[in-house]
């Protein structure tokens, strides 16, 4: 059963035909006209109320069809999540960095939704998996504390924003628990520093980098972020958060309370939620106090952020996070493989073709094609070229 996804136009997205989101959607929906001035940021596939997928043939909402065909979800899904699709599947096309953000636990999400329903629009948690489509960059989790101390010691502009007295205490401490508490204090002081001080010190730092001609990757990142978000305190976060670089097909998994910001294109899958707590690199509402209180102040090396898939066969790898809400299979068929049958899944799944051409029965498969499979249903693919397909399902 073929689906029609929903395009979201956010300011950080790539514009016009430079956007993978726009190109995939236009290939699937011929009447969709790409506007070169519009930022096509995300393609949503699922049943979330902010972007519900529809059946391509009839226009019926996928959620309505599932309500009429509840067994399509699979018994395990119904037992754990009720009669609903538990995940949201996306493609992201990123021109400017996404906000410095984190996602709450299930319990915290319920509390935030109850207190601030206009901001946090659903009561669900939002763990997420990102798979690189191109070379992918992200800020993800706190750096090892020794690294953060090194940057704080070496960058006077950063010290002035945090406060010299607090920095002095942070640099002297050697006990792990003291390190974590003082890291939290330093990050809170950074994120709540007055706008005037942030703008002044950030301008000094960027000008110093330009004058010295130091073109290190981190300095290039700071310059780019400052160009896109001038005077934004989030620019300083690059010295606190790991700068992760992935090759196509590599992935990161982000559980609750992990600070992060995506900088590049990716496939993304998450629990069915749109809850985001933001604090930097954004013109949107910033809930700085909530973010600073909820974060895990545990330093980790950048390499630990990478998430490895399980190899199912020669052509399929499965990314299985430690939660039941979702998993993603990557299916890569070389040109010489002309027929392949997908694995049966214990839940309803959504397949997206990102590269190549083929067919399944009478239906053509092209970049942008979206196919819904009921639980245990398999798809026999006859390929005409090499094919790259991603399949989202529940991890049950």
Protein backbone atom coordinates (compact mmCIF):
# COMPACT_ATOMS: atom_id res chain seq x y z
CA UNK A 1 0.00 0.00 0.00
CA UNK A 2 1.59 3.27 -1.14
CA UNK A 3 1.60 6.37 1.06
CA UNK A 4 1.91 10.10 0.68
CA UNK A 5 4.17 11.77 3.27
CA UNK A 6 3.92 15.31 4.65
CA UNK A 7 6.55 18.00 4.05
CA UNK A 8 7.42 20.41 6.88
CA UNK A 9 8.89 23.80 5.97
CA UNK A 10 11.14 25.04 8.78
CA UNK A 11 13.61 27.92 8.47
CA UNK A 12 16.66 25.66 8.87
CA UNK A 13 15.76 23.46 5.88
CA UNK A 14 17.40 23.45 2.46
CA UNK A 15 15.56 25.46 -0.16
CA UNK A 16 14.04 24.36 -3.44
CA UNK A 17 15.72 21.59 -5.40
CA UNK A 18 18.75 21.57 -3.11
CA UNK A 19 16.53 19.79 -0.57
CA UNK A 20 16.48 15.98 -0.57
CA UNK A 21 13.09 16.24 1.14
CA UNK A 22 11.65 18.26 -1.75
CA UNK A 23 13.15 15.99 -4.40
CA UNK A 24 11.85 12.80 -2.76
CA UNK A 25 8.37 14.24 -2.24
CA UNK A 26 8.16 15.61 -5.79
CA UNK A 27 9.21 12.24 -7.21
CA UNK A 28 6.43 10.53 -5.24
CA UNK A 29 3.77 13.21 -5.82
CA UNK A 30 4.02 14.49 -9.43
CA UNK A 31 1.63 17.40 -8.81
CA UNK A 32 3.91 18.77 -6.06
CA UNK A 33 5.70 21.85 -7.42
CA UNK A 34 9.04 22.74 -5.81
CA UNK A 35 9.43 26.43 -4.96
CA UNK A 36 13.08 27.54 -4.98
CA UNK A 37 12.43 30.00 -2.12
CA UNK A 38 10.85 27.57 0.34
CA UNK A 39 12.95 25.64 2.91
CA UNK A 40 11.84 22.01 2.72
CA UNK A 41 13.16 20.72 6.04
CA UNK A 42 11.45 17.42 6.89
CA UNK A 43 9.44 14.65 5.26
CA UNK A 44 7.18 12.93 7.79
CA UNK A 45 5.86 9.39 7.44
CA UNK A 46 3.48 8.11 10.09
CA UNK A 47 0.33 9.04 11.97
CA UNK A 48 1.43 12.02 14.09
CA UNK A 49 -1.34 14.64 14.13
CA UNK A 50 1.05 17.41 13.05
CA UNK A 51 1.83 15.61 9.78
CA UNK A 52 -0.36 12.58 9.13
CA UNK A 53 0.45 10.37 6.13
CA UNK A 54 -2.35 9.44 3.75
CA UNK A 55 -3.01 6.56 1.38
CA UNK A 56 -1.79 7.57 -2.05
CA UNK A 57 -4.68 5.89 -3.85
CA UNK A 58 -7.64 7.16 -1.80
CA UNK A 59 -6.39 10.09 0.29
CA UNK A 60 -7.58 8.41 3.50
CA UNK A 61 -5.45 9.13 6.57
CA UNK A 62 -3.18 6.22 7.48
CA UNK A 63 -4.40 6.46 11.08
CA UNK A 64 -8.00 5.97 9.93
CA UNK A 65 -7.03 2.98 7.81
CA UNK A 66 -5.18 1.44 10.76
CA UNK A 67 -8.25 1.96 12.97
CA UNK A 68 -10.24 -0.04 10.41
CA UNK A 69 -7.49 -2.68 10.12
CA UNK A 70 -6.08 -2.93 13.64
CA UNK A 71 -4.47 -6.32 13.07
CA UNK A 72 -2.08 -4.63 10.62
CA UNK A 73 -0.17 -3.25 13.62
CA UNK A 74 0.78 -6.67 14.99
CA UNK A 75 -0.13 -8.25 18.33
CA UNK A 76 3.09 -7.16 20.05
CA UNK A 77 2.51 -3.51 19.11
CA UNK A 78 -1.11 -3.57 20.30
CA UNK A 79 -0.03 -5.17 23.59
CA UNK A 80 2.71 -2.59 24.28
CA UNK A 81 1.34 0.59 22.70
CA UNK A 82 -2.36 0.11 22.07
CA UNK A 83 -3.96 0.45 18.66
CA UNK A 84 -1.56 3.04 17.28
CA UNK A 85 1.66 3.27 15.28
CA UNK A 86 4.37 3.93 17.90
CA UNK A 87 6.98 5.62 15.69
CA UNK A 88 7.48 8.60 13.39
CA UNK A 89 9.75 8.21 10.34
CA UNK A 90 11.46 11.23 8.76
CA UNK A 91 13.94 12.55 6.22
CA UNK A 92 15.79 15.76 7.20
CA UNK A 93 17.41 18.24 4.78
CA UNK A 94 19.52 20.60 6.86
CA UNK A 95 20.85 23.95 5.65
CA UNK A 96 21.38 25.58 9.05
CA UNK A 97 21.99 23.83 12.35
CA UNK A 98 18.98 22.59 14.25
CA UNK A 99 18.54 24.01 17.73
CA UNK A 100 20.53 22.93 20.78
CA UNK A 101 17.90 20.62 22.23
CA UNK A 102 17.04 17.53 24.22
CA UNK A 103 13.97 15.36 24.61
CA UNK A 104 12.28 14.44 27.91
CA UNK A 105 11.68 11.04 29.43
CA UNK A 106 8.16 9.63 29.22
CA UNK A 107 7.34 10.75 32.77
CA UNK A 108 8.81 14.22 32.24
CA UNK A 109 7.00 14.57 28.89
CA UNK A 110 3.69 13.85 30.64
CA UNK A 111 4.46 16.53 33.24
CA UNK A 112 5.49 19.12 30.63
CA UNK A 113 2.42 18.41 28.50
CA UNK A 114 0.14 18.84 31.51
CA UNK A 115 1.79 22.12 32.58
CA UNK A 116 2.46 23.67 29.15
CA UNK A 117 0.21 22.00 26.54
CA UNK A 118 0.68 24.87 24.09
CA UNK A 119 4.46 24.26 24.03
CA UNK A 120 4.74 20.51 24.65
CA UNK A 121 1.89 19.21 22.54
CA UNK A 122 1.91 15.51 23.43
CA UNK A 123 2.74 13.42 26.52
CA UNK A 124 5.20 11.05 24.86
CA UNK A 125 8.96 10.68 25.08
CA UNK A 126 11.09 11.12 21.95
CA UNK A 127 14.18 8.91 21.76
CA UNK A 128 15.53 9.09 18.22
CA UNK A 129 17.88 7.46 15.73
CA UNK A 130 19.66 9.38 12.96
CA UNK A 131 21.26 7.62 9.98
CA UNK A 132 23.58 9.68 7.78
CA UNK A 133 22.48 10.17 4.16
CA UNK A 134 25.61 12.14 3.26
CA UNK A 135 28.62 12.99 5.42
CA UNK A 136 26.78 13.93 8.58
CA UNK A 137 27.73 16.27 11.39
CA UNK A 138 26.04 16.73 14.74
CA UNK A 139 26.65 18.01 18.22
CA UNK A 140 25.84 15.14 20.56
CA UNK A 141 26.27 14.63 24.29
CA UNK A 142 28.82 16.30 26.55
CA UNK A 143 32.48 15.94 25.69
CA UNK A 144 34.78 14.16 28.15
CA UNK A 145 35.12 16.58 31.05
CA UNK A 146 38.89 16.87 30.54
CA UNK A 147 38.25 18.11 26.99
CA UNK A 148 35.75 20.70 28.19
CA UNK A 149 38.21 21.90 30.83
CA UNK A 150 40.85 22.24 28.12
CA UNK A 151 38.64 24.50 26.01
CA UNK A 152 37.54 26.55 29.01
CA UNK A 153 41.17 27.03 30.07
CA UNK A 154 42.32 28.03 26.58
CA UNK A 155 39.49 30.35 25.48
CA UNK A 156 39.26 33.55 27.55
CA UNK A 157 36.05 34.64 25.80
CA UNK A 158 34.35 31.44 26.97
CA UNK A 159 35.64 31.95 30.52
CA UNK A 160 34.21 35.47 30.65
CA UNK A 161 30.77 34.25 29.60
CA UNK A 162 30.74 31.51 32.25
CA UNK A 163 32.39 33.61 34.97
CA UNK A 164 36.03 33.47 36.08
CA UNK A 165 35.33 32.36 39.68
CA UNK A 166 33.22 29.38 38.60
CA UNK A 167 35.73 28.45 35.91
CA UNK A 168 38.55 28.48 38.47
CA UNK A 169 36.65 26.03 40.69
CA UNK A 170 35.78 23.81 37.72
CA UNK A 171 39.39 23.62 36.54
CA UNK A 172 40.69 22.71 40.01
CA UNK A 173 38.24 19.94 40.91
CA UNK A 174 39.31 16.31 40.53
CA UNK A 175 36.40 14.33 42.02
CA UNK A 176 33.96 12.90 39.40
CA UNK A 177 30.82 14.02 41.28
CA UNK A 178 32.24 17.52 41.74
CA UNK A 179 33.14 17.55 38.04
CA UNK A 180 29.54 16.73 37.07
CA UNK A 181 28.03 19.32 39.41
CA UNK A 182 30.42 22.06 38.32
CA UNK A 183 29.93 21.13 34.65
CA UNK A 184 26.21 21.65 35.20
CA UNK A 185 26.86 25.00 36.89
CA UNK A 186 29.16 26.14 34.08
CA UNK A 187 26.66 25.13 31.39
CA UNK A 188 23.81 26.85 33.23
CA UNK A 189 25.84 30.04 33.58
CA UNK A 190 26.74 29.91 29.90
CA UNK A 191 23.14 29.41 28.75
CA UNK A 192 21.73 32.10 31.08
CA UNK A 193 24.45 34.71 30.52
CA UNK A 194 23.20 38.15 29.49
CA UNK A 195 22.72 38.63 25.76
CA UNK A 196 25.05 41.66 25.68
CA UNK A 197 27.96 39.74 27.21
CA UNK A 198 27.41 36.77 24.87
CA UNK A 199 27.33 38.99 21.78
CA UNK A 200 30.45 40.89 22.86
CA UNK A 201 32.55 37.82 23.68
CA UNK A 202 31.35 35.82 20.68
CA UNK A 203 32.24 38.69 18.35
CA UNK A 204 35.69 38.95 19.93
CA UNK A 205 36.29 35.20 19.54
CA UNK A 206 35.11 35.02 15.92
CA UNK A 207 37.20 38.06 14.95
CA UNK A 208 40.26 36.56 16.69
CA UNK A 209 39.84 33.30 14.76
CA UNK A 210 39.58 35.20 11.47
CA UNK A 211 42.65 37.31 12.29
CA UNK A 212 44.76 34.30 13.30
CA UNK A 213 43.61 32.33 10.24
CA UNK A 214 43.13 29.14 12.27
CA UNK A 215 40.96 26.99 9.97
CA UNK A 216 40.52 23.99 12.27
CA UNK A 217 37.26 22.10 11.83
CA UNK A 218 35.89 23.40 15.13
CA UNK A 219 36.78 27.00 14.27
CA UNK A 220 35.10 26.59 10.89
CA UNK A 221 32.02 25.30 12.67
CA UNK A 222 31.97 28.26 15.06
CA UNK A 223 32.28 30.70 12.15
CA UNK A 224 29.44 29.00 10.27
CA UNK A 225 27.14 28.91 13.30
CA UNK A 226 27.86 32.55 14.09
CA UNK A 227 27.06 33.49 10.50
CA UNK A 228 23.71 31.67 10.68
CA UNK A 229 22.91 32.63 14.30
CA UNK A 230 24.87 35.83 15.09
CA UNK A 231 25.26 36.48 18.79
CA UNK A 232 23.53 33.22 19.78
CA UNK A 233 24.83 31.57 22.96
CA UNK A 234 24.39 28.19 21.25
CA UNK A 235 27.56 28.93 19.26
CA UNK A 236 29.58 28.46 22.46
CA UNK A 237 28.05 25.00 22.97
CA UNK A 238 30.51 23.49 20.49
CA UNK A 239 33.11 23.57 23.29
CA UNK A 240 30.83 21.57 25.60
CA UNK A 241 29.26 19.06 23.19
CA UNK A 242 30.91 16.39 21.06
CA UNK A 243 31.28 17.27 17.38
CA UNK A 244 30.35 13.95 15.73
CA UNK A 245 31.06 13.22 12.06
CA UNK A 246 29.44 10.20 10.38
CA UNK A 247 29.86 8.67 6.95
CA UNK A 248 26.76 7.71 4.94
CA UNK A 249 25.03 4.75 6.60
CA UNK A 250 26.53 5.38 10.05
CA UNK A 251 24.15 6.34 12.84
CA UNK A 252 23.72 7.83 16.29
CA UNK A 253 21.06 6.98 18.87
CA UNK A 254 19.85 9.66 21.27
CA UNK A 255 18.02 8.68 24.43
CA UNK A 256 16.24 11.18 26.68
CA UNK A 257 18.11 14.09 28.29
CA UNK A 258 21.03 14.01 25.83
CA UNK A 259 21.84 17.47 24.41
CA UNK A 260 22.26 17.53 20.64
CA UNK A 261 21.95 19.49 17.41
CA UNK A 262 21.96 18.07 13.88
CA UNK A 263 24.03 19.86 11.25
CA UNK A 264 23.46 17.66 8.16
CA UNK A 265 20.99 15.51 6.18
CA UNK A 266 19.77 12.24 7.66
CA UNK A 267 17.10 9.60 7.92
CA UNK A 268 15.49 9.87 11.34
CA UNK A 269 13.16 7.65 13.32
CA UNK A 270 11.72 8.35 16.74
CA UNK A 271 8.90 7.63 19.12
CA UNK A 272 5.69 9.24 17.88
CA UNK A 273 6.24 12.64 19.48
CA UNK A 274 7.13 16.21 18.56
CA UNK A 275 8.36 17.28 22.00
CA UNK A 276 11.53 19.37 21.92
CA UNK A 277 13.15 21.37 24.74
CA UNK A 278 15.28 24.06 23.07
CA UNK A 279 17.90 26.45 24.42
CA UNK A 280 20.09 27.76 21.59
CA UNK A 281 20.63 28.18 17.83
CA UNK A 282 16.96 28.94 17.28
CA UNK A 283 14.51 31.83 16.91
CA UNK A 284 11.84 29.61 18.55
CA UNK A 285 10.84 29.50 22.22
CA UNK A 286 13.75 28.62 24.51
CA UNK A 287 13.07 26.76 27.73
CA UNK A 288 16.58 27.17 29.12
CA UNK A 289 15.84 26.31 32.75
CA UNK A 290 14.01 23.10 31.83
CA UNK A 291 16.81 22.04 29.48
CA UNK A 292 19.61 22.71 31.97
CA UNK A 293 17.83 20.81 34.74
CA UNK A 294 16.97 17.74 32.64
CA UNK A 295 20.33 17.09 30.94
CA UNK A 296 22.68 14.23 31.79
CA UNK A 297 26.02 15.83 32.67
CA UNK A 298 28.08 12.77 31.80
CA UNK A 299 31.11 13.31 29.62
CA UNK A 300 31.66 10.74 26.88
CA UNK A 301 34.00 10.40 23.88
CA UNK A 302 32.55 11.24 20.47
CA UNK A 303 33.07 7.65 19.33
CA UNK A 304 30.59 6.37 21.93
CA UNK A 305 27.77 8.26 20.23
CA UNK A 306 27.92 6.01 17.16
CA UNK A 307 25.30 3.26 17.04
CA UNK A 308 26.02 -0.03 15.28
CA UNK A 309 23.40 -2.02 13.35
CA UNK A 310 22.84 -5.79 13.42
CA UNK A 311 23.52 -7.52 10.10
CA UNK A 312 20.49 -9.60 9.08
CA UNK A 313 21.73 -10.82 5.70
CA UNK A 314 24.01 -9.72 2.86
CA UNK A 315 21.75 -6.80 1.99
CA UNK A 316 19.92 -5.77 5.18
CA UNK A 317 21.19 -4.23 8.42
CA UNK A 318 18.86 -3.48 11.33
CA UNK A 319 19.38 -0.55 13.71
CA UNK A 320 17.81 -1.75 17.00
CA UNK A 321 17.84 0.87 19.78
CA UNK A 322 17.31 -0.23 23.41
CA UNK A 323 13.62 0.80 23.34
CA UNK A 324 10.56 -0.92 21.84
CA UNK A 325 9.16 2.10 19.98
CA UNK A 326 11.13 1.74 16.76
CA UNK A 327 13.90 0.15 14.72
CA UNK A 328 15.13 0.89 11.19
CA UNK A 329 16.33 -1.56 8.54
CA UNK A 330 18.70 -0.41 5.81
CA UNK A 331 18.25 -2.44 2.61
CA UNK A 332 20.96 -2.00 -0.01
CA UNK A 333 20.65 -4.05 -3.18
CA UNK A 334 23.51 -4.02 -5.70
CA UNK A 335 22.60 -3.89 -9.37
CA UNK A 336 23.27 -7.59 -9.93
CA UNK A 337 20.56 -8.58 -7.39
CA UNK A 338 17.36 -8.44 -9.44
CA UNK A 339 14.95 -9.88 -6.84
CA UNK A 340 14.81 -9.58 -3.06
CA UNK A 341 12.12 -10.28 -0.47
CA UNK A 342 12.08 -8.19 2.70
CA UNK A 343 12.16 -9.76 6.16
CA UNK A 344 8.82 -10.25 7.95
CA UNK A 345 8.49 -7.79 10.85
CA UNK A 346 6.46 -8.18 14.03
CA UNK A 347 4.89 -4.78 13.47
CA UNK A 348 3.51 -2.61 10.71
CA UNK A 349 6.38 -1.01 8.81
CA UNK A 350 6.98 1.90 6.44
CA UNK A 351 9.50 1.64 3.60
CA UNK A 352 11.09 4.61 1.84
CA UNK A 353 13.12 4.35 -1.37
CA UNK A 354 15.96 6.89 -1.37
CA UNK A 355 17.91 5.68 -4.41
CA UNK A 356 17.34 3.44 -7.43
CA UNK A 357 14.44 2.01 -9.42
CA UNK A 358 12.44 -1.20 -9.38
CA UNK A 359 8.96 -2.52 -8.81
CA UNK A 360 6.90 -4.67 -6.47
CA UNK A 361 4.17 -6.31 -8.48
CA UNK A 362 2.45 -3.65 -10.56
CA UNK A 363 3.72 -0.77 -8.40
CA UNK A 364 6.81 1.16 -9.46
CA UNK A 365 9.53 1.84 -6.89
CA UNK A 366 11.44 5.07 -7.41
CA UNK A 367 13.22 7.57 -5.14
CA UNK A 368 10.52 8.96 -2.86
CA UNK A 369 8.24 5.90 -3.02
CA UNK A 370 6.68 5.16 0.38
CA UNK A 371 5.14 1.74 1.07
CA UNK A 372 3.18 0.58 4.13
CA UNK A 373 3.38 -3.10 5.10
CA UNK A 374 1.18 -4.77 7.69
CA UNK A 375 2.76 -6.90 10.41
CA UNK A 376 4.42 -10.06 8.99
CA UNK A 377 3.81 -8.83 5.42
CA UNK A 378 6.78 -9.12 3.06
CA UNK A 379 7.58 -7.22 -0.10
CA UNK A 380 9.21 -8.86 -3.11
CA UNK A 381 11.28 -6.26 -4.91
CA UNK A 382 12.36 -6.59 -8.52
CA UNK A 383 15.19 -4.13 -9.01
CA UNK A 384 16.22 -2.41 -12.23
CA UNK A 385 19.23 -0.62 -10.73
CA UNK A 386 20.99 -0.68 -7.38
CA UNK A 387 18.48 0.21 -4.67
CA UNK A 388 18.70 1.89 -1.27
CA UNK A 389 15.63 1.52 0.94
CA UNK A 390 14.98 2.29 4.62
CA UNK A 391 12.27 0.45 6.55
CA UNK A 392 10.93 1.70 9.89
CA UNK A 393 9.12 -0.66 12.25
CA UNK A 394 8.48 -1.13 15.96
CA UNK A 395 11.28 -2.87 17.87
CA UNK A 396 9.10 -5.73 19.16
